C-alpha cells in the first residue's frame, strides 16, 4: 500500500515589490471574509448511509460573496495523488491538495490539506478534492456551523459486497411499495368512476310568471298595460294575450257597473231602445279596450277624452268604435 506524502507546513509569500502599503494583505482579507461569512447547515442528506452533511455546493455559495467583496481567491493544485482498488469495482483515493490563497496585494498564503474518498465509478478523486476544499474553507475562515462538530461524514464508507446486495434488494422493495401506494385508488383518483359520481339533482324548473294573476290584480289600466307588455316581451302566444285582453274587458265592465248610469239623451226614448244603446256602447267600449291593450296604449282614457271631450264611460258606441278603428288603423292591433 502506498502512503501519501505528509502535508508541507504553511508558507507565506509576500506581496510583489511596489505594492502600496495601504492595500490590504492576505491576512486582513481573510479576517474580512471571516467577519462576513454566513453559517452553513447540514442541509444535504446521504440516503444510502442515512446521515446529514454540509455539501460543498452550500459551502462555496456561502463563501463566494465574502471572498469577492474582499478580493480574495484560491488557486488549487494537487500536490500528491494515490489511488488503489478495493474489491472488483471500488476505487479508493488519497490526495494532498495545495491551496494558494491570494489577497488583494498579491501576497499569498500556501496551505496543504489532505483529502480521501472512495467510489464505485470514476468520481473518487472528485470527491476527495471536494472534501479537501470544504475543510480548508471551514478551518481557514472558521466558517460558522450550526452543530457541535464539523465532521460531516462527507466520505464514503466501504460496504462489503453482501451488504451492498442486501441494501439494493431493500431499496428495490421500498421503491415497489411506493409505486403501489401511488397507484390511483377510488378514494384519491383525480376523476371518480361512474359509480363514484354523485347523483345529479333534478334541475329546478324556473317558476313561470303568472301574467293572468297579475292582470287580475292590476288596479288600473296603466298597471295592466305594463303586465301585458311584460307578457309580450316574454314571448307569450296570441291566445294567451287574448286571455289577458279578456281579463281587461271584464275588469272594465265591472268598473262600469259600479258607475252611475249614462245621461239620457234629450227626449224620451223607449226602454228597449235605451237598452240596445247601452249594450252597443258596452260592446264598443270592450272593443276599444282590447284594441288599446294590444297596442300597449296605456293612456287610452286620457287620449279619448282629449279628442271627444267626454270620458269613455259617457261616450256613444259610434265614438268608441271610431276611436278603436283609429287605433287599429295606426297598426296597434294585431
C-alpha atoms as a PDB file:
ATOM      1  CA  UNK A   1       0.000   0.000   0.000  1.00  0.00           C
ATOM      2  CA  UNK A   2       1.377   3.399  -0.962  1.00  0.00           C
ATOM      3  CA  UNK A   3       1.355   6.112   1.673  1.00  0.00           C
ATOM      4  CA  UNK A   4       0.604   9.709   0.703  1.00  0.00           C
ATOM      5  CA  UNK A   5       3.199  12.343   1.475  1.00  0.00           C
ATOM      6  CA  UNK A   6       2.655  14.367   4.619  1.00  0.00           C
ATOM      7  CA  UNK A   7       1.373  17.912   4.032  1.00  0.00           C
ATOM      8  CA  UNK A   8       4.054  20.607   3.984  1.00  0.00           C
ATOM      9  CA  UNK A   9       3.945  23.388   6.581  1.00  0.00           C
ATOM     10  CA  UNK A  10       2.005  26.536   5.766  1.00  0.00           C
ATOM     11  CA  UNK A  11       4.027  29.114   3.839  1.00  0.00           C
ATOM     12  CA  UNK A  12       3.616  32.828   3.197  1.00  0.00           C
ATOM     13  CA  UNK A  13       4.726  34.614   0.024  1.00  0.00           C
ATOM     14  CA  UNK A  14       4.941  38.415   0.443  1.00  0.00           C
ATOM     15  CA  UNK A  15       3.397  40.888  -1.978  1.00  0.00           C
ATOM     16  CA  UNK A  16       5.377  41.859  -5.074  1.00  0.00           C
ATOM     17  CA  UNK A  17       7.602  44.955  -4.806  1.00  0.00           C
ATOM     18  CA  UNK A  18       5.932  48.291  -5.415  1.00  0.00           C
ATOM     19  CA  UNK A  19       2.531  47.451  -3.928  1.00  0.00           C
ATOM     20  CA  UNK A  20       1.291  50.277  -1.725  1.00  0.00           C
ATOM     21  CA  UNK A  21       1.252  49.669   1.992  1.00  0.00           C
ATOM     22  CA  UNK A  22      -2.416  50.672   2.295  1.00  0.00           C
ATOM     23  CA  UNK A  23      -3.500  47.746   0.090  1.00  0.00           C
ATOM     24  CA  UNK A  24      -4.781  45.026   2.451  1.00  0.00           C
ATOM     25  CA  UNK A  25      -2.607  41.968   2.768  1.00  0.00           C
ATOM     26  CA  UNK A  26      -3.973  38.451   2.604  1.00  0.00           C
ATOM     27  CA  UNK A  27      -4.277  38.167   6.387  1.00  0.00           C
ATOM     28  CA  UNK A  28      -6.515  41.253   6.555  1.00  0.00           C
ATOM     29  CA  UNK A  29      -8.601  39.953   3.659  1.00  0.00           C
ATOM     30  CA  UNK A  30      -9.045  36.603   5.423  1.00  0.00           C
ATOM     31  CA  UNK A  31     -10.195  38.424   8.562  1.00  0.00           C
ATOM     32  CA  UNK A  32     -12.721  40.397   6.492  1.00  0.00           C
ATOM     33  CA  UNK A  33     -14.079  37.226   4.908  1.00  0.00           C
ATOM     34  CA  UNK A  34     -14.402  35.622   8.349  1.00  0.00           C
ATOM     35  CA  UNK A  35     -16.462  38.599   9.536  1.00  0.00           C
ATOM     36  CA  UNK A  36     -18.876  38.374   6.591  1.00  0.00           C
ATOM     37  CA  UNK A  37     -19.191  34.587   6.300  1.00  0.00           C
ATOM     38  CA  UNK A  38     -22.632  33.116   6.980  1.00  0.00           C
ATOM     39  CA  UNK A  39     -23.365  29.806   8.756  1.00  0.00           C
ATOM     40  CA  UNK A  40     -23.775  26.623   6.746  1.00  0.00           C
ATOM     41  CA  UNK A  41     -26.132  23.946   7.996  1.00  0.00           C
ATOM     42  CA  UNK A  42     -26.297  20.229   7.353  1.00  0.00           C
ATOM     43  CA  UNK A  43     -28.885  20.617   4.629  1.00  0.00           C
ATOM     44  CA  UNK A  44     -27.783  17.700   2.432  1.00  0.00           C
ATOM     45  CA  UNK A  45     -28.563  14.054   3.081  1.00  0.00           C
ATOM     46  CA  UNK A  46     -26.815  10.821   2.173  1.00  0.00           C
ATOM     47  CA  UNK A  47     -29.722   8.454   1.671  1.00  0.00           C
ATOM     48  CA  UNK A  48     -27.513   5.388   1.307  1.00  0.00           C
ATOM     49  CA  UNK A  49     -25.790   5.721   4.696  1.00  0.00           C
ATOM     50  CA  UNK A  50     -28.648   7.797   6.173  1.00  0.00           C
ATOM     51  CA  UNK A  51     -26.872  10.876   7.546  1.00  0.00           C
ATOM     52  CA  UNK A  52     -26.977  14.659   7.080  1.00  0.00           C
ATOM     53  CA  UNK A  53     -23.944  16.596   5.853  1.00  0.00           C
ATOM     54  CA  UNK A  54     -22.842  20.024   4.659  1.00  0.00           C
ATOM     55  CA  UNK A  55     -22.447  19.900   0.896  1.00  0.00           C
ATOM     56  CA  UNK A  56     -19.539  21.538  -0.905  1.00  0.00           C
ATOM     57  CA  UNK A  57     -22.007  23.495  -3.049  1.00  0.00           C
ATOM     58  CA  UNK A  58     -23.527  25.100   0.053  1.00  0.00           C
ATOM     59  CA  UNK A  59     -20.089  25.941   1.439  1.00  0.00           C
ATOM     60  CA  UNK A  60     -18.878  27.515  -1.823  1.00  0.00           C
ATOM     61  CA  UNK A  61     -22.111  29.510  -2.133  1.00  0.00           C
ATOM     62  CA  UNK A  62     -21.632  30.857   1.397  1.00  0.00           C
ATOM     63  CA  UNK A  63     -18.004  31.871   0.702  1.00  0.00           C
ATOM     64  CA  UNK A  64     -18.316  33.277  -2.820  1.00  0.00           C
ATOM     65  CA  UNK A  65     -19.804  36.632  -1.821  1.00  0.00           C
ATOM     66  CA  UNK A  66     -17.431  37.489   1.058  1.00  0.00           C
ATOM     67  CA  UNK A  67     -14.376  36.413  -0.970  1.00  0.00           C
ATOM     68  CA  UNK A  68     -15.343  38.616  -3.915  1.00  0.00           C
ATOM     69  CA  UNK A  69     -16.019  41.510  -1.560  1.00  0.00           C
ATOM     70  CA  UNK A  70     -12.520  41.319  -0.043  1.00  0.00           C
ATOM     71  CA  UNK A  71     -10.701  40.474  -3.327  1.00  0.00           C
ATOM     72  CA  UNK A  72      -9.606  37.051  -2.133  1.00  0.00           C
ATOM     73  CA  UNK A  73      -9.248  33.984  -4.348  1.00  0.00           C
ATOM     74  CA  UNK A  74      -7.850  30.452  -4.066  1.00  0.00           C
ATOM     75  CA  UNK A  75      -5.707  28.572  -6.593  1.00  0.00           C
ATOM     76  CA  UNK A  76      -5.790  24.758  -6.020  1.00  0.00           C
ATOM     77  CA  UNK A  77      -3.057  22.308  -7.027  1.00  0.00           C
ATOM     78  CA  UNK A  78      -2.960  18.524  -6.491  1.00  0.00           C
ATOM     79  CA  UNK A  79       0.362  18.021  -4.715  1.00  0.00           C
ATOM     80  CA  UNK A  80       0.028  14.257  -4.242  1.00  0.00           C
ATOM     81  CA  UNK A  81      -2.367  11.589  -5.514  1.00  0.00           C
ATOM     82  CA  UNK A  82      -2.605   7.914  -4.545  1.00  0.00           C
ATOM     83  CA  UNK A  83      -5.298   5.547  -5.863  1.00  0.00           C
ATOM     84  CA  UNK A  84      -5.907   1.886  -5.102  1.00  0.00           C
ATOM     85  CA  UNK A  85      -8.506  -0.738  -5.939  1.00  0.00           C
ATOM     86  CA  UNK A  86     -10.675  -2.228  -3.235  1.00  0.00           C
ATOM     87  CA  UNK A  87     -12.529  -5.243  -4.469  1.00  0.00           C
ATOM     88  CA  UNK A  88     -13.555  -5.536  -8.086  1.00  0.00           C
ATOM     89  CA  UNK A  89     -15.268  -2.168  -8.554  1.00  0.00           C
ATOM     90  CA  UNK A  90     -14.335   0.251  -5.768  1.00  0.00           C
ATOM     91  CA  UNK A  91     -11.550   2.824  -6.147  1.00  0.00           C
ATOM     92  CA  UNK A  92     -10.089   4.493  -3.066  1.00  0.00           C
ATOM     93  CA  UNK A  93      -8.163   7.766  -3.455  1.00  0.00           C
ATOM     94  CA  UNK A  94      -5.972   9.767  -1.081  1.00  0.00           C
ATOM     95  CA  UNK A  95      -4.717  13.153  -2.207  1.00  0.00           C
ATOM     96  CA  UNK A  96      -2.891  16.175  -0.863  1.00  0.00           C
ATOM     97  CA  UNK A  97      -4.240  19.498  -2.108  1.00  0.00           C
ATOM     98  CA  UNK A  98      -2.028  22.602  -2.112  1.00  0.00           C
ATOM     99  CA  UNK A  99      -4.034  25.825  -1.948  1.00  0.00           C
ATOM    100  CA  UNK A 100      -2.599  29.251  -2.787  1.00  0.00           C
ATOM    101  CA  UNK A 101      -4.773  31.860  -1.052  1.00  0.00           C
ATOM    102  CA  UNK A 102      -4.148  35.246  -2.712  1.00  0.00           C
ATOM    103  CA  UNK A 103      -5.062  38.622  -1.238  1.00  0.00           C
ATOM    104  CA  UNK A 104      -5.666  41.962  -2.995  1.00  0.00           C
ATOM    105  CA  UNK A 105      -1.983  42.955  -2.631  1.00  0.00           C
ATOM    106  CA  UNK A 106      -0.781  39.825  -4.444  1.00  0.00           C
ATOM    107  CA  UNK A 107       0.705  38.179  -1.379  1.00  0.00           C
ATOM    108  CA  UNK A 108      -0.092  34.524  -0.906  1.00  0.00           C
ATOM    109  CA  UNK A 109      -0.723  32.069   1.902  1.00  0.00           C
ATOM    110  CA  UNK A 110       0.043  28.440   0.948  1.00  0.00           C
ATOM    111  CA  UNK A 111      -1.656  25.600   2.817  1.00  0.00           C
ATOM    112  CA  UNK A 112      -1.904  21.872   2.148  1.00  0.00           C
ATOM    113  CA  UNK A 113      -4.979  19.827   3.069  1.00  0.00           C
ATOM    114  CA  UNK A 114      -5.448  16.049   2.670  1.00  0.00           C
ATOM    115  CA  UNK A 115      -8.496  14.516   1.036  1.00  0.00           C
ATOM    116  CA  UNK A 116      -9.757  10.949   0.870  1.00  0.00           C
ATOM    117  CA  UNK A 117     -12.713   9.270  -0.818  1.00  0.00           C
ATOM    118  CA  UNK A 118     -13.940   6.058  -2.443  1.00  0.00           C
ATOM    119  CA  UNK A 119     -16.261   5.457  -5.362  1.00  0.00           C
ATOM    120  CA  UNK A 120     -17.533   2.572  -7.463  1.00  0.00           C
ATOM    121  CA  UNK A 121     -17.075   4.587 -10.675  1.00  0.00           C
ATOM    122  CA  UNK A 122     -14.648   7.376 -11.626  1.00  0.00           C
ATOM    123  CA  UNK A 123     -15.609  10.024  -9.067  1.00  0.00           C
ATOM    124  CA  UNK A 124     -13.252   9.134  -6.202  1.00  0.00           C
ATOM    125  CA  UNK A 125     -10.749  11.914  -6.996  1.00  0.00           C
ATOM    126  CA  UNK A 126     -13.551  14.460  -7.404  1.00  0.00           C
ATOM    127  CA  UNK A 127     -14.955  13.511  -4.008  1.00  0.00           C
ATOM    128  CA  UNK A 128     -11.527  13.758  -2.381  1.00  0.00           C
ATOM    129  CA  UNK A 129     -10.957  17.249  -3.836  1.00  0.00           C
ATOM    130  CA  UNK A 130     -14.394  18.379  -2.642  1.00  0.00           C
ATOM    131  CA  UNK A 131     -13.684  17.128   0.873  1.00  0.00           C
ATOM    132  CA  UNK A 132     -10.277  18.838   0.995  1.00  0.00           C
ATOM    133  CA  UNK A 133     -11.640  22.176  -0.250  1.00  0.00           C
ATOM    134  CA  UNK A 134     -14.559  22.092   2.147  1.00  0.00           C
ATOM    135  CA  UNK A 135     -12.371  21.547   5.189  1.00  0.00           C
ATOM    136  CA  UNK A 136      -9.907  24.199   4.030  1.00  0.00           C
ATOM    137  CA  UNK A 137     -12.745  26.728   3.929  1.00  0.00           C
ATOM    138  CA  UNK A 138     -14.070  25.585   7.293  1.00  0.00           C
ATOM    139  CA  UNK A 139     -10.725  25.715   9.094  1.00  0.00           C
ATOM    140  CA  UNK A 140      -9.111  28.701   7.359  1.00  0.00           C
ATOM    141  CA  UNK A 141     -12.108  31.017   7.636  1.00  0.00           C
ATOM    142  CA  UNK A 142     -13.679  29.435  10.732  1.00  0.00           C
ATOM    143  CA  UNK A 143     -16.924  29.175   8.803  1.00  0.00           C
ATOM    144  CA  UNK A 144     -19.868  29.197  11.262  1.00  0.00           C
ATOM    145  CA  UNK A 145     -21.760  25.929  11.591  1.00  0.00           C
ATOM    146  CA  UNK A 146     -24.996  25.078  13.351  1.00  0.00           C
ATOM    147  CA  UNK A 147     -23.780  21.892  15.003  1.00  0.00           C
ATOM    148  CA  UNK A 148     -21.189  20.841  17.545  1.00  0.00           C
ATOM    149  CA  UNK A 149     -18.944  19.107  15.049  1.00  0.00           C
ATOM    150  CA  UNK A 150     -17.709  19.794  11.541  1.00  0.00           C
ATOM    151  CA  UNK A 151     -17.296  16.071  10.991  1.00  0.00           C
ATOM    152  CA  UNK A 152     -19.981  15.948   8.295  1.00  0.00           C
ATOM    153  CA  UNK A 153     -19.431  12.411   7.194  1.00  0.00           C
ATOM    154  CA  UNK A 154     -18.542  13.755   3.752  1.00  0.00           C
ATOM    155  CA  UNK A 155     -16.980  10.453   2.958  1.00  0.00           C
ATOM    156  CA  UNK A 156     -17.821   7.021   1.669  1.00  0.00           C
ATOM    157  CA  UNK A 157     -17.852   4.043   3.997  1.00  0.00           C
ATOM    158  CA  UNK A 158     -16.806   0.884   2.150  1.00  0.00           C
ATOM    159  CA  UNK A 159     -19.539  -1.714   2.361  1.00  0.00           C
ATOM    160  CA  UNK A 160     -18.993  -5.463   1.898  1.00  0.00           C
ATOM    161  CA  UNK A 161     -20.401  -6.940  -1.290  1.00  0.00           C
ATOM    162  CA  UNK A 162     -23.006  -8.947   0.644  1.00  0.00           C
ATOM    163  CA  UNK A 163     -24.243  -5.825   2.362  1.00  0.00           C
ATOM    164  CA  UNK A 164     -24.366  -3.994  -0.949  1.00  0.00           C
ATOM    165  CA  UNK A 165     -26.600  -6.675  -2.476  1.00  0.00           C
ATOM    166  CA  UNK A 166     -28.808  -6.669   0.610  1.00  0.00           C
ATOM    167  CA  UNK A 167     -29.103  -2.888   0.506  1.00  0.00           C
ATOM    168  CA  UNK A 168     -30.039  -2.934  -3.190  1.00  0.00           C
ATOM    169  CA  UNK A 169     -32.757  -5.506  -2.527  1.00  0.00           C
ATOM    170  CA  UNK A 170     -34.083  -3.410   0.341  1.00  0.00           C
ATOM    171  CA  UNK A 171     -34.128  -0.258  -1.813  1.00  0.00           C
ATOM    172  CA  UNK A 172     -35.943  -2.112  -4.615  1.00  0.00           C
ATOM    173  CA  UNK A 173     -38.554  -3.353  -2.151  1.00  0.00           C
ATOM    174  CA  UNK A 174     -39.108   0.192  -0.854  1.00  0.00           C
ATOM    175  CA  UNK A 175     -39.493   1.503  -4.380  1.00  0.00           C
ATOM    176  CA  UNK A 176     -42.085  -1.153  -5.206  1.00  0.00           C
ATOM    177  CA  UNK A 177     -44.072  -0.269  -2.083  1.00  0.00           C
ATOM    178  CA  UNK A 178     -44.005   3.422  -3.004  1.00  0.00           C
ATOM    179  CA  UNK A 179     -45.222   2.628  -6.505  1.00  0.00           C
ATOM    180  CA  UNK A 180     -48.106   0.560  -5.132  1.00  0.00           C
ATOM    181  CA  UNK A 181     -49.046   3.376  -2.765  1.00  0.00           C
ATOM    182  CA  UNK A 182     -49.029   5.883  -5.615  1.00  0.00           C
ATOM    183  CA  UNK A 183     -51.385   3.841  -7.785  1.00  0.00           C
ATOM    184  CA  UNK A 184     -54.776   5.555  -8.157  1.00  0.00           C
ATOM    185  CA  UNK A 185     -57.489   4.278  -5.881  1.00  0.00           C
ATOM    186  CA  UNK A 186     -61.156   5.031  -5.665  1.00  0.00           C
ATOM    187  CA  UNK A 187     -60.571   7.302  -2.688  1.00  0.00           C
ATOM    188  CA  UNK A 188     -57.923   9.531  -4.278  1.00  0.00           C
ATOM    189  CA  UNK A 189     -58.413   9.320  -8.027  1.00  0.00           C
ATOM    190  CA  UNK A 190     -58.342  12.565  -9.924  1.00  0.00           C
ATOM    191  CA  UNK A 191     -61.643  11.660 -11.555  1.00  0.00           C
ATOM    192  CA  UNK A 192     -64.152   9.364  -9.943  1.00  0.00           C
ATOM    193  CA  UNK A 193     -65.580   6.431 -11.829  1.00  0.00           C
ATOM    194  CA  UNK A 194     -69.139   6.177 -12.935  1.00  0.00           C
ATOM    195  CA  UNK A 195     -70.138   4.607  -9.633  1.00  0.00           C
ATOM    196  CA  UNK A 196     -68.499   7.477  -7.729  1.00  0.00           C
ATOM    197  CA  UNK A 197     -70.356  10.287  -9.446  1.00  0.00           C
ATOM    198  CA  UNK A 198     -72.869  11.889  -7.101  1.00  0.00           C
ATOM    199  CA  UNK A 199     -76.463  11.557  -8.106  1.00  0.00           C
ATOM    200  CA  UNK A 200     -77.393  14.510 -10.211  1.00  0.00           C
ATOM    201  CA  UNK A 201     -80.033  16.659  -8.660  1.00  0.00           C
ATOM    202  CA  UNK A 202     -83.041  17.320 -10.896  1.00  0.00           C
ATOM    203  CA  UNK A 203     -82.911  20.769 -12.303  1.00  0.00           C
ATOM    204  CA  UNK A 204     -85.316  23.109 -10.676  1.00  0.00           C
ATOM    205  CA  UNK A 205     -87.757  24.397 -13.205  1.00  0.00           C
ATOM    206  CA  UNK A 206     -87.857  28.120 -13.216  1.00  0.00           C
ATOM    207  CA  UNK A 207     -91.244  29.312 -11.991  1.00  0.00           C
ATOM    208  CA  UNK A 208     -93.155  30.912 -14.858  1.00  0.00           C
ATOM    209  CA  UNK A 209     -94.556  34.316 -14.203  1.00  0.00           C
ATOM    210  CA  UNK A 210     -98.350  34.264 -13.899  1.00  0.00           C
ATOM    211  CA  UNK A 211     -99.358  37.236 -16.003  1.00  0.00           C
ATOM    212  CA  UNK A 212    -103.053  36.353 -15.791  1.00  0.00           C
ATOM    213  CA  UNK A 213    -102.981  36.616 -12.000  1.00  0.00           C
ATOM    214  CA  UNK A 214    -101.089  39.888 -12.213  1.00  0.00           C
ATOM    215  CA  UNK A 215    -103.581  41.222 -14.754  1.00  0.00           C
ATOM    216  CA  UNK A 216    -106.493  40.398 -12.457  1.00  0.00           C
ATOM    217  CA  UNK A 217    -104.743  42.203  -9.581  1.00  0.00           C
ATOM    218  CA  UNK A 218    -103.808  45.255 -11.651  1.00  0.00           C
ATOM    219  CA  UNK A 219    -105.508  48.267 -10.004  1.00  0.00           C
ATOM    220  CA  UNK A 220    -105.802  50.289 -13.195  1.00  0.00           C
ATOM    221  CA  UNK A 221    -105.285  50.416 -16.970  1.00  0.00           C
ATOM    222  CA  UNK A 222    -101.672  51.594 -16.666  1.00  0.00           C
ATOM    223  CA  UNK A 223    -100.694  48.659 -14.478  1.00  0.00           C
ATOM    224  CA  UNK A 224    -102.488  46.231 -16.788  1.00  0.00           C
ATOM    225  CA  UNK A 225    -100.681  47.659 -19.807  1.00  0.00           C
ATOM    226  CA  UNK A 226     -97.337  47.072 -18.034  1.00  0.00           C
ATOM    227  CA  UNK A 227     -98.288  43.446 -17.301  1.00  0.00           C
ATOM    228  CA  UNK A 228     -99.331  42.833 -20.904  1.00  0.00           C
ATOM    229  CA  UNK A 229     -96.137  44.423 -22.229  1.00  0.00           C
ATOM    230  CA  UNK A 230     -94.097  42.101 -20.000  1.00  0.00           C
ATOM    231  CA  UNK A 231     -96.023  39.100 -21.337  1.00  0.00           C
ATOM    232  CA  UNK A 232     -95.329  40.184 -24.917  1.00  0.00           C
ATOM    233  CA  UNK A 233     -91.624  40.614 -24.133  1.00  0.00           C
ATOM    234  CA  UNK A 234     -91.564  37.123 -22.615  1.00  0.00           C
ATOM    235  CA  UNK A 235     -92.898  35.665 -25.889  1.00  0.00           C
ATOM    236  CA  UNK A 236     -96.454  34.879 -24.789  1.00  0.00           C
ATOM    237  CA  UNK A 237     -98.573  33.406 -27.633  1.00  0.00           C
ATOM    238  CA  UNK A 238    -101.551  35.219 -29.117  1.00  0.00           C
ATOM    239  CA  UNK A 239    -104.128  33.050 -27.351  1.00  0.00           C
ATOM    240  CA  UNK A 240    -102.532  33.895 -24.008  1.00  0.00           C
ATOM    241  CA  UNK A 241    -102.581  37.591 -24.873  1.00  0.00           C
ATOM    242  CA  UNK A 242    -106.251  37.168 -25.784  1.00  0.00           C
ATOM    243  CA  UNK A 243    -106.912  35.847 -22.285  1.00  0.00           C
ATOM    244  CA  UNK A 244    -105.211  38.916 -20.858  1.00  0.00           C
ATOM    245  CA  UNK A 245    -107.382  41.156 -23.048  1.00  0.00           C
ATOM    246  CA  UNK A 246    -110.484  39.326 -21.853  1.00  0.00           C
ATOM    247  CA  UNK A 247    -109.430  39.991 -18.263  1.00  0.00           C
ATOM    248  CA  UNK A 248    -109.062  43.678 -19.098  1.00  0.00           C
ATOM    249  CA  UNK A 249    -112.510  43.800 -20.682  1.00  0.00           C
ATOM    250  CA  UNK A 250    -114.041  42.027 -17.702  1.00  0.00           C
ATOM    251  CA  UNK A 251    -112.427  44.477 -15.305  1.00  0.00           C
ATOM    252  CA  UNK A 252    -113.725  47.371 -17.383  1.00  0.00           C
ATOM    253  CA  UNK A 253    -117.280  46.000 -17.321  1.00  0.00           C
ATOM    254  CA  UNK A 254    -117.086  45.526 -13.567  1.00  0.00           C
ATOM    255  CA  UNK A 255    -115.845  49.079 -13.124  1.00  0.00           C
ATOM    256  CA  UNK A 256    -118.570  50.418 -15.400  1.00  0.00           C
ATOM    257  CA  UNK A 257    -121.278  48.578 -13.470  1.00  0.00           C
ATOM    258  CA  UNK A 258    -120.263  50.448 -10.344  1.00  0.00           C
ATOM    259  CA  UNK A 259    -120.528  53.842 -12.062  1.00  0.00           C
ATOM    260  CA  UNK A 260    -123.762  55.897 -12.319  1.00  0.00           C
ATOM    261  CA  UNK A 261    -125.879  55.294 -15.439  1.00  0.00           C
ATOM    262  CA  UNK A 262    -125.225  57.317 -18.570  1.00  0.00           C
ATOM    263  CA  UNK A 263    -127.023  60.570 -19.023  1.00  0.00           C
ATOM    264  CA  UNK A 264    -130.143  60.095 -21.113  1.00  0.00           C
ATOM    265  CA  UNK A 265    -130.380  61.851 -24.426  1.00  0.00           C
ATOM    266  CA  UNK A 266    -132.860  64.675 -24.797  1.00  0.00           C
ATOM    267  CA  UNK A 267    -136.386  63.465 -25.252  1.00  0.00           C
ATOM    268  CA  UNK A 268    -137.995  60.338 -24.028  1.00  0.00           C
ATOM    269  CA  UNK A 269    -136.812  57.085 -25.511  1.00  0.00           C
ATOM    270  CA  UNK A 270    -138.376  53.727 -25.420  1.00  0.00           C
ATOM    271  CA  UNK A 271    -136.983  51.376 -22.793  1.00  0.00           C
ATOM    272  CA  UNK A 272    -135.987  48.750 -25.350  1.00  0.00           C
ATOM    273  CA  UNK A 273    -134.115  51.314 -27.433  1.00  0.00           C
ATOM    274  CA  UNK A 274    -132.207  52.546 -24.368  1.00  0.00           C
ATOM    275  CA  UNK A 275    -131.132  49.017 -23.535  1.00  0.00           C
ATOM    276  CA  UNK A 276    -129.885  48.454 -27.048  1.00  0.00           C
ATOM    277  CA  UNK A 277    -127.956  51.720 -26.922  1.00  0.00           C
ATOM    278  CA  UNK A 278    -126.257  50.780 -23.655  1.00  0.00           C
ATOM    279  CA  UNK A 279    -125.435  47.308 -24.921  1.00  0.00           C
ATOM    280  CA  UNK A 280    -123.917  48.762 -28.077  1.00  0.00           C
ATOM    281  CA  UNK A 281    -121.871  51.224 -26.029  1.00  0.00           C
ATOM    282  CA  UNK A 282    -120.641  48.448 -23.745  1.00  0.00           C
ATOM    283  CA  UNK A 283    -119.633  46.298 -26.714  1.00  0.00           C
ATOM    284  CA  UNK A 284    -117.911  49.245 -28.354  1.00  0.00           C
ATOM    285  CA  UNK A 285    -116.080  50.083 -25.140  1.00  0.00           C
ATOM    286  CA  UNK A 286    -114.890  46.476 -24.784  1.00  0.00           C
ATOM    287  CA  UNK A 287    -113.708  46.561 -28.394  1.00  0.00           C
ATOM    288  CA  UNK A 288    -111.852  49.815 -27.715  1.00  0.00           C
ATOM    289  CA  UNK A 289    -110.219  48.444 -24.553  1.00  0.00           C
ATOM    290  CA  UNK A 290    -108.982  45.347 -26.353  1.00  0.00           C
ATOM    291  CA  UNK A 291    -107.574  47.421 -29.214  1.00  0.00           C
ATOM    292  CA  UNK A 292    -105.805  49.747 -26.778  1.00  0.00           C
ATOM    293  CA  UNK A 293    -104.412  46.801 -24.787  1.00  0.00           C
ATOM    294  CA  UNK A 294    -102.989  45.148 -27.889  1.00  0.00           C
ATOM    295  CA  UNK A 295    -101.494  48.460 -28.953  1.00  0.00           C
ATOM    296  CA  UNK A 296     -99.940  48.907 -25.473  1.00  0.00           C
ATOM    297  CA  UNK A 297    -101.799  52.211 -25.264  1.00  0.00           C
ATOM    298  CA  UNK A 298    -101.924  52.833 -21.535  1.00  0.00           C
ATOM    299  CA  UNK A 299    -103.239  56.398 -21.975  1.00  0.00           C
ATOM    300  CA  UNK A 300    -106.365  55.441 -23.902  1.00  0.00           C
ATOM    301  CA  UNK A 301    -108.723  57.086 -21.392  1.00  0.00           C
ATOM    302  CA  UNK A 302    -106.912  60.417 -21.444  1.00  0.00           C
ATOM    303  CA  UNK A 303    -106.458  60.307 -25.229  1.00  0.00           C
ATOM    304  CA  UNK A 304    -110.144  59.571 -25.828  1.00  0.00           C
ATOM    305  CA  UNK A 305    -111.320  62.370 -23.556  1.00  0.00           C
ATOM    306  CA  UNK A 306    -108.938  64.836 -25.180  1.00  0.00           C
ATOM    307  CA  UNK A 307    -110.460  64.009 -28.585  1.00  0.00           C
ATOM    308  CA  UNK A 308    -114.178  63.821 -27.741  1.00  0.00           C
ATOM    309  CA  UNK A 309    -114.344  65.882 -24.574  1.00  0.00           C
ATOM    310  CA  UNK A 310    -116.152  63.169 -22.619  1.00  0.00           C
ATOM    311  CA  UNK A 311    -114.855  60.145 -20.695  1.00  0.00           C
ATOM    312  CA  UNK A 312    -115.132  56.710 -22.244  1.00  0.00           C
ATOM    313  CA  UNK A 313    -117.892  55.732 -19.825  1.00  0.00           C
ATOM    314  CA  UNK A 314    -120.137  58.517 -21.179  1.00  0.00           C
ATOM    315  CA  UNK A 315    -119.308  58.156 -24.883  1.00  0.00           C
ATOM    316  CA  UNK A 316    -121.563  56.727 -27.534  1.00  0.00           C
ATOM    317  CA  UNK A 317    -120.974  53.459 -29.325  1.00  0.00           C
ATOM    318  CA  UNK A 318    -120.152  55.348 -32.520  1.00  0.00           C
ATOM    319  CA  UNK A 319    -117.467  57.412 -30.788  1.00  0.00           C
ATOM    320  CA  UNK A 320    -115.978  54.328 -29.153  1.00  0.00           C
ATOM    321  CA  UNK A 321    -115.923  52.337 -32.399  1.00  0.00           C
ATOM    322  CA  UNK A 322    -114.434  55.259 -34.302  1.00  0.00           C
ATOM    323  CA  UNK A 323    -111.588  55.607 -31.811  1.00  0.00           C
ATOM    324  CA  UNK A 324    -110.989  51.846 -31.824  1.00  0.00           C
ATOM    325  CA  UNK A 325    -110.788  51.922 -35.628  1.00  0.00           C
ATOM    326  CA  UNK A 326    -108.250  54.739 -35.418  1.00  0.00           C
ATOM    327  CA  UNK A 327    -106.082  52.636 -33.093  1.00  0.00           C
ATOM    328  CA  UNK A 328    -106.284  49.661 -35.445  1.00  0.00           C
ATOM    329  CA  UNK A 329    -105.524  51.850 -38.455  1.00  0.00           C
ATOM    330  CA  UNK A 330    -102.407  53.085 -36.691  1.00  0.00           C
ATOM    331  CA  UNK A 331    -101.162  49.474 -36.618  1.00  0.00           C
ATOM    332  CA  UNK A 332    -101.612  48.924 -32.913  1.00  0.00           C
ATOM    333  CA  UNK A 333    -103.995  45.955 -33.014  1.00  0.00           C
ATOM    334  CA  UNK A 334    -102.945  42.536 -34.233  1.00  0.00           C
END
